[in-house]
Amino acid sequence: MNSKPKRGVAPSTTLWQFREAIKDALVDITTIEVTTALVDRISPATFSAEDFYERLQQDLACRTPAAIQQWREHLEHRQQELLAMRGTVSRESEQQRIWQHHHTVWLRQAQHLRVLEQRLQSPAALRQEWERFYQEASAVLYRLHTEGQPVYFGSVEVAALRRLWETYTALDNGEQIYASTHIRLEGDTIERYRRELFDRQVFDEATAQALMALHRESVTRSRDRWNDLVAFLLGLVERLIPYRDAQRERNRLTDRP
């Protein structure tokens, strides 16, 4: 964690807190990244660092047939416990609500187990993609645990988990990216298009043109938002510079012996 600046050397506490709040935005706005993809399905799930962190831990612990078999046996045993418990609770009672909660958890875990079982049966190319993802995920989780303290989801940790989540979602939903644009602050632009867009045996001309037009529209909207954000931050800096100079002068006079 960053230490609080010393008085008379750095900006005031308020400015320091403001700097900490926007520093990640200042890093992220150096590049625009726009992708256009086709997916097999659209997941309704939204990003949650805490939930995704727990899912990663489960995935990394259950990547082999032996580990999945152990989890399957645990869930089967848990199912028997819930069935036995079900017969001892009455309807419209607190025990019933507790049982329903545990049953919902069991259903979610059983569904996740089925997903992992299917993943082990994926084609070799897809398994290789998952393997690369898990290598990156392992490195991030190891970094989060290196200090041996409870995980703190600060801005850096959330950013790392969000990027992993985007990769996870892409793999899980069968996402195929057909166009990608990177625009850097210094002016460099990189455009990438899948060869299939120009193969009329894969896409007819109307579909290919529609995909590329959609991508260009997304790039234009992102660039407009990018320009607005840069202008907003520059305007804030211009307004705060006089305040910072005045604050430094006050600190200098206060610290004078």
Protein backbone atom coordinates (compact mmCIF):
# COMPACT_ATOMS: atom_id res chain seq x y z
CA MET A 1 0.00 0.00 0.00
CA ASN A 2 1.16 3.50 -0.67
CA SER A 3 2.13 5.54 2.36
CA LYS A 4 0.57 8.89 3.08
CA PRO A 5 2.70 11.77 1.80
CA LYS A 6 4.57 13.91 4.30
CA ARG A 7 3.30 17.36 5.04
CA GLY A 8 4.79 20.13 2.96
CA VAL A 9 6.27 17.72 0.41
CA ALA A 10 3.32 16.21 -1.45
CA PRO A 11 -0.20 17.52 -2.10
CA SER A 12 -2.72 17.83 0.69
CA THR A 13 -4.49 14.77 2.08
CA THR A 14 -7.53 15.48 -0.07
CA LEU A 15 -5.47 15.68 -3.23
CA TRP A 16 -3.56 12.55 -2.26
CA GLN A 17 -6.81 10.63 -1.83
CA PHE A 18 -8.04 11.98 -5.16
CA ARG A 19 -4.82 10.85 -6.83
CA GLU A 20 -5.21 7.36 -5.38
CA ALA A 21 -8.79 7.18 -6.63
CA ILE A 22 -7.99 8.04 -10.26
CA LYS A 23 -4.49 6.61 -10.73
CA ASP A 24 -5.83 3.35 -12.17
CA ALA A 25 -7.99 5.26 -14.62
CA LEU A 26 -4.92 7.22 -15.74
CA VAL A 27 -3.14 3.93 -16.46
CA ASP A 28 -6.09 2.35 -18.26
CA ILE A 29 -6.86 5.29 -20.54
CA THR A 30 -3.54 5.01 -22.35
CA THR A 31 -5.10 2.37 -24.60
CA ILE A 32 -8.50 1.67 -26.13
CA GLU A 33 -9.24 -2.00 -26.74
CA VAL A 34 -12.36 -2.89 -28.75
CA THR A 35 -13.27 -6.43 -29.79
CA THR A 36 -16.19 -7.85 -31.75
CA ALA A 37 -17.03 -11.50 -31.18
CA LEU A 38 -19.61 -14.15 -31.92
CA VAL A 39 -20.58 -16.40 -29.00
CA ASP A 40 -22.36 -19.72 -28.59
CA ARG A 41 -24.35 -18.30 -25.69
CA ILE A 42 -24.52 -15.16 -23.57
CA SER A 43 -24.01 -15.64 -19.86
CA PRO A 44 -26.22 -13.54 -17.55
CA ALA A 45 -23.45 -13.46 -14.93
CA THR A 46 -21.81 -10.14 -14.11
CA PHE A 47 -18.32 -9.61 -12.78
CA SER A 48 -17.79 -9.94 -9.04
CA ALA A 49 -14.20 -10.14 -7.82
CA GLU A 50 -15.14 -12.10 -4.69
CA ASP A 51 -17.35 -14.64 -6.49
CA PHE A 52 -14.89 -15.14 -9.32
CA TYR A 53 -12.02 -15.55 -6.86
CA GLU A 54 -13.89 -18.39 -5.16
CA ARG A 55 -14.69 -20.01 -8.51
CA LEU A 56 -11.06 -19.88 -9.54
CA GLN A 57 -10.05 -21.64 -6.36
CA GLN A 58 -12.58 -24.40 -7.07
CA ASP A 59 -11.48 -24.74 -10.69
CA LEU A 60 -7.79 -24.92 -9.86
CA ALA A 61 -8.48 -27.57 -7.20
CA CYS A 62 -10.53 -29.74 -9.62
CA ARG A 63 -8.60 -29.93 -12.87
CA THR A 64 -7.79 -33.67 -12.82
CA PRO A 65 -10.12 -36.70 -13.11
CA ALA A 66 -9.06 -37.84 -9.63
CA ALA A 67 -9.91 -34.50 -8.03
CA ILE A 68 -13.25 -34.34 -9.83
CA GLN A 69 -14.07 -37.87 -8.70
CA GLN A 70 -13.32 -36.87 -5.10
CA TRP A 71 -15.61 -33.86 -5.42
CA ARG A 72 -18.33 -36.01 -7.02
CA GLU A 73 -18.22 -38.42 -4.07
CA HIS A 74 -18.43 -35.49 -1.65
CA LEU A 75 -21.50 -34.09 -3.42
CA GLU A 76 -23.18 -37.51 -3.49
CA HIS A 77 -22.60 -37.85 0.26
CA ARG A 78 -23.90 -34.31 0.79
CA GLN A 79 -27.01 -35.13 -1.26
CA GLN A 80 -27.80 -38.07 1.01
CA GLU A 81 -27.39 -35.83 4.06
CA LEU A 82 -29.78 -33.25 2.61
CA LEU A 83 -32.36 -35.91 1.75
CA ALA A 84 -32.21 -37.27 5.31
CA MET A 85 -32.46 -33.75 6.73
CA ARG A 86 -35.41 -32.98 4.44
CA GLY A 87 -37.61 -35.52 6.21
CA THR A 88 -37.02 -33.99 9.64
CA VAL A 89 -37.95 -30.37 8.95
CA SER A 90 -41.46 -28.99 8.76
CA ARG A 91 -42.75 -26.65 6.11
CA GLU A 92 -42.87 -22.89 6.80
CA SER A 93 -40.20 -23.11 9.50
CA GLU A 94 -36.76 -21.64 10.05
CA GLN A 95 -35.26 -25.11 9.58
CA GLN A 96 -36.96 -25.32 6.18
CA ARG A 97 -35.36 -22.05 5.06
CA ILE A 98 -31.95 -23.24 6.27
CA TRP A 99 -32.39 -26.53 4.39
CA GLN A 100 -33.38 -24.66 1.23
CA HIS A 101 -30.24 -22.55 1.45
CA HIS A 102 -27.99 -25.62 1.75
CA HIS A 103 -29.85 -27.32 -1.09
CA THR A 104 -29.37 -24.30 -3.33
CA VAL A 105 -25.64 -24.33 -2.58
CA TRP A 106 -25.52 -28.04 -3.41
CA LEU A 107 -27.32 -27.49 -6.74
CA ARG A 108 -24.87 -24.72 -7.68
CA GLN A 109 -21.87 -26.90 -6.83
CA ALA A 110 -23.32 -29.87 -8.73
CA GLN A 111 -23.86 -27.69 -11.81
CA HIS A 112 -20.29 -26.41 -11.58
CA LEU A 113 -19.03 -30.01 -11.32
CA ARG A 114 -20.84 -30.90 -14.56
CA VAL A 115 -19.18 -27.95 -16.29
CA LEU A 116 -15.73 -29.11 -15.16
CA GLU A 117 -16.45 -32.67 -16.29
CA GLN A 118 -17.40 -31.40 -19.74
CA ARG A 119 -14.26 -29.29 -19.82
CA LEU A 120 -12.07 -32.38 -19.36
CA GLN A 121 -13.76 -33.87 -22.43
CA SER A 122 -13.18 -30.80 -24.59
CA PRO A 123 -11.16 -31.04 -27.82
CA ALA A 124 -7.40 -30.83 -27.44
CA ALA A 125 -7.17 -27.26 -28.76
CA LEU A 126 -9.75 -25.99 -26.27
CA ARG A 127 -8.11 -27.89 -23.38
CA GLN A 128 -4.86 -26.18 -24.32
CA GLU A 129 -6.57 -22.78 -24.11
CA TRP A 130 -7.96 -23.65 -20.67
CA GLU A 131 -4.51 -24.81 -19.58
CA ARG A 132 -3.00 -21.44 -20.52
CA PHE A 133 -5.79 -19.69 -18.65
CA TYR A 134 -5.20 -21.77 -15.51
CA GLN A 135 -1.47 -21.04 -15.63
CA GLU A 136 -2.18 -17.31 -15.63
CA ALA A 137 -4.85 -17.71 -12.95
CA SER A 138 -2.45 -19.69 -10.76
CA ALA A 139 0.13 -16.93 -11.01
CA VAL A 140 -2.41 -14.28 -10.00
CA LEU A 141 -3.76 -16.29 -7.07
CA TYR A 142 -0.22 -17.06 -5.91
CA ARG A 143 0.53 -13.34 -5.92
CA LEU A 144 -2.59 -12.66 -3.87
CA HIS A 145 -1.50 -15.20 -1.26
CA THR A 146 2.21 -14.44 -1.04
CA GLU A 147 1.89 -12.27 2.05
CA GLY A 148 -0.09 -14.94 3.89
CA GLN A 149 -2.78 -12.45 4.84
CA PRO A 150 -6.51 -12.30 4.03
CA VAL A 151 -6.96 -11.34 0.39
CA TYR A 152 -7.57 -7.64 -0.09
CA PHE A 153 -9.36 -6.79 -3.32
CA GLY A 154 -7.72 -3.48 -4.09
CA SER A 155 -7.74 -1.84 -7.50
CA VAL A 156 -4.76 -3.86 -8.77
CA GLU A 157 -6.25 -7.16 -7.62
CA VAL A 158 -9.68 -6.37 -9.06
CA ALA A 159 -8.11 -5.39 -12.40
CA ALA A 160 -6.17 -8.68 -12.58
CA LEU A 161 -9.26 -10.74 -11.67
CA ARG A 162 -11.39 -8.82 -14.18
CA ARG A 163 -9.01 -9.66 -17.02
CA LEU A 164 -9.02 -13.30 -15.96
CA TRP A 165 -12.83 -13.21 -15.79
CA GLU A 166 -13.02 -11.87 -19.35
CA THR A 167 -10.83 -14.73 -20.56
CA TYR A 168 -12.83 -17.24 -18.50
CA THR A 169 -16.11 -15.96 -19.92
CA ALA A 170 -14.78 -16.07 -23.47
CA LEU A 171 -13.66 -19.69 -23.11
CA ASP A 172 -16.77 -20.78 -21.23
CA ASN A 173 -19.19 -19.23 -23.74
CA GLY A 174 -17.39 -20.36 -26.87
CA GLU A 175 -16.44 -16.83 -27.83
CA GLN A 176 -14.78 -16.29 -31.20
CA ILE A 177 -13.27 -12.82 -31.73
CA TYR A 178 -13.50 -11.70 -35.36
CA ALA A 179 -12.28 -8.11 -35.09
CA SER A 180 -10.01 -6.31 -32.66
CA THR A 181 -8.76 -2.72 -32.52
CA HIS A 182 -6.12 -1.24 -30.20
CA ILE A 183 -5.60 2.53 -30.15
CA ARG A 184 -2.72 3.86 -28.05
CA LEU A 185 -2.36 7.32 -26.60
CA GLU A 186 0.71 8.07 -28.73
CA GLY A 187 -1.36 7.50 -31.86
CA ASP A 188 -0.52 3.92 -32.87
CA THR A 189 -3.50 1.90 -34.08
CA ILE A 190 -3.59 -1.87 -34.54
CA GLU A 191 -6.46 -3.47 -36.47
CA ARG A 192 -6.95 -7.25 -36.51
CA TYR A 193 -9.58 -9.20 -38.46
CA ARG A 194 -10.12 -12.94 -38.65
CA ARG A 195 -9.49 -14.46 -42.09
CA GLU A 196 -12.95 -16.03 -42.01
CA LEU A 197 -14.52 -12.58 -42.48
CA PHE A 198 -13.10 -12.55 -46.02
CA ASP A 199 -13.86 -16.20 -46.77
CA ARG A 200 -17.24 -16.33 -48.55
CA GLN A 201 -17.57 -20.04 -47.73
CA VAL A 202 -17.70 -19.09 -44.05
CA PHE A 203 -19.47 -15.69 -44.13
CA ASP A 204 -21.50 -14.23 -46.95
CA GLU A 205 -20.61 -10.68 -47.91
CA ALA A 206 -23.62 -9.10 -46.14
CA THR A 207 -22.82 -10.80 -42.82
CA ALA A 208 -19.13 -9.91 -43.03
CA GLN A 209 -19.92 -6.28 -43.84
CA ALA A 210 -22.44 -6.13 -40.96
CA LEU A 211 -19.82 -7.44 -38.48
CA MET A 212 -17.19 -4.98 -39.65
CA ALA A 213 -19.67 -2.07 -39.59
CA LEU A 214 -20.68 -3.01 -36.05
CA HIS A 215 -17.02 -3.12 -35.04
CA ARG A 216 -16.26 0.27 -36.59
CA GLU A 217 -19.27 1.77 -34.79
CA SER A 218 -18.04 0.36 -31.47
CA VAL A 219 -14.57 1.81 -32.08
CA THR A 220 -16.06 5.22 -32.83
CA ARG A 221 -18.18 5.22 -29.66
CA SER A 222 -15.23 4.07 -27.53
CA ARG A 223 -12.95 6.74 -29.01
CA ASP A 224 -15.53 9.45 -28.27
CA ARG A 225 -15.85 8.28 -24.64
CA TRP A 226 -12.06 8.10 -24.42
CA ASN A 227 -11.67 11.68 -25.62
CA ASP A 228 -14.32 12.86 -23.14
CA LEU A 229 -12.54 11.10 -20.25
CA VAL A 230 -9.13 12.52 -21.18
CA ALA A 231 -10.59 16.02 -21.49
CA PHE A 232 -12.36 15.65 -18.14
CA LEU A 233 -9.16 14.56 -16.34
CA LEU A 234 -7.08 17.29 -17.96
CA GLY A 235 -9.69 19.84 -16.90
CA LEU A 236 -9.50 18.58 -13.31
CA VAL A 237 -5.71 18.88 -13.31
CA GLU A 238 -5.88 22.44 -14.63
CA ARG A 239 -8.35 23.41 -11.91
CA LEU A 240 -6.40 21.74 -9.11
CA ILE A 241 -2.93 23.12 -9.93
CA PRO A 242 -3.65 26.57 -8.41
CA TYR A 243 -5.10 24.91 -5.29
CA ARG A 244 -2.05 22.67 -4.96
CA ASP A 245 0.37 25.62 -5.22
CA ALA A 246 -1.60 27.53 -2.59
CA GLN A 247 -1.64 24.47 -0.29
CA ARG A 248 2.14 24.06 -0.62
CA GLU A 249 2.64 27.70 0.28
CA ARG A 250 0.45 27.33 3.37
CA ASN A 251 2.37 24.23 4.42
CA ARG A 252 5.67 26.05 3.90
CA LEU A 253 4.58 28.94 6.08
CA THR A 254 3.19 26.62 8.76
CA ASP A 255 6.38 24.54 8.90
CA ARG A 256 8.60 27.63 9.13
CA PRO A 257 10.44 27.68 12.52
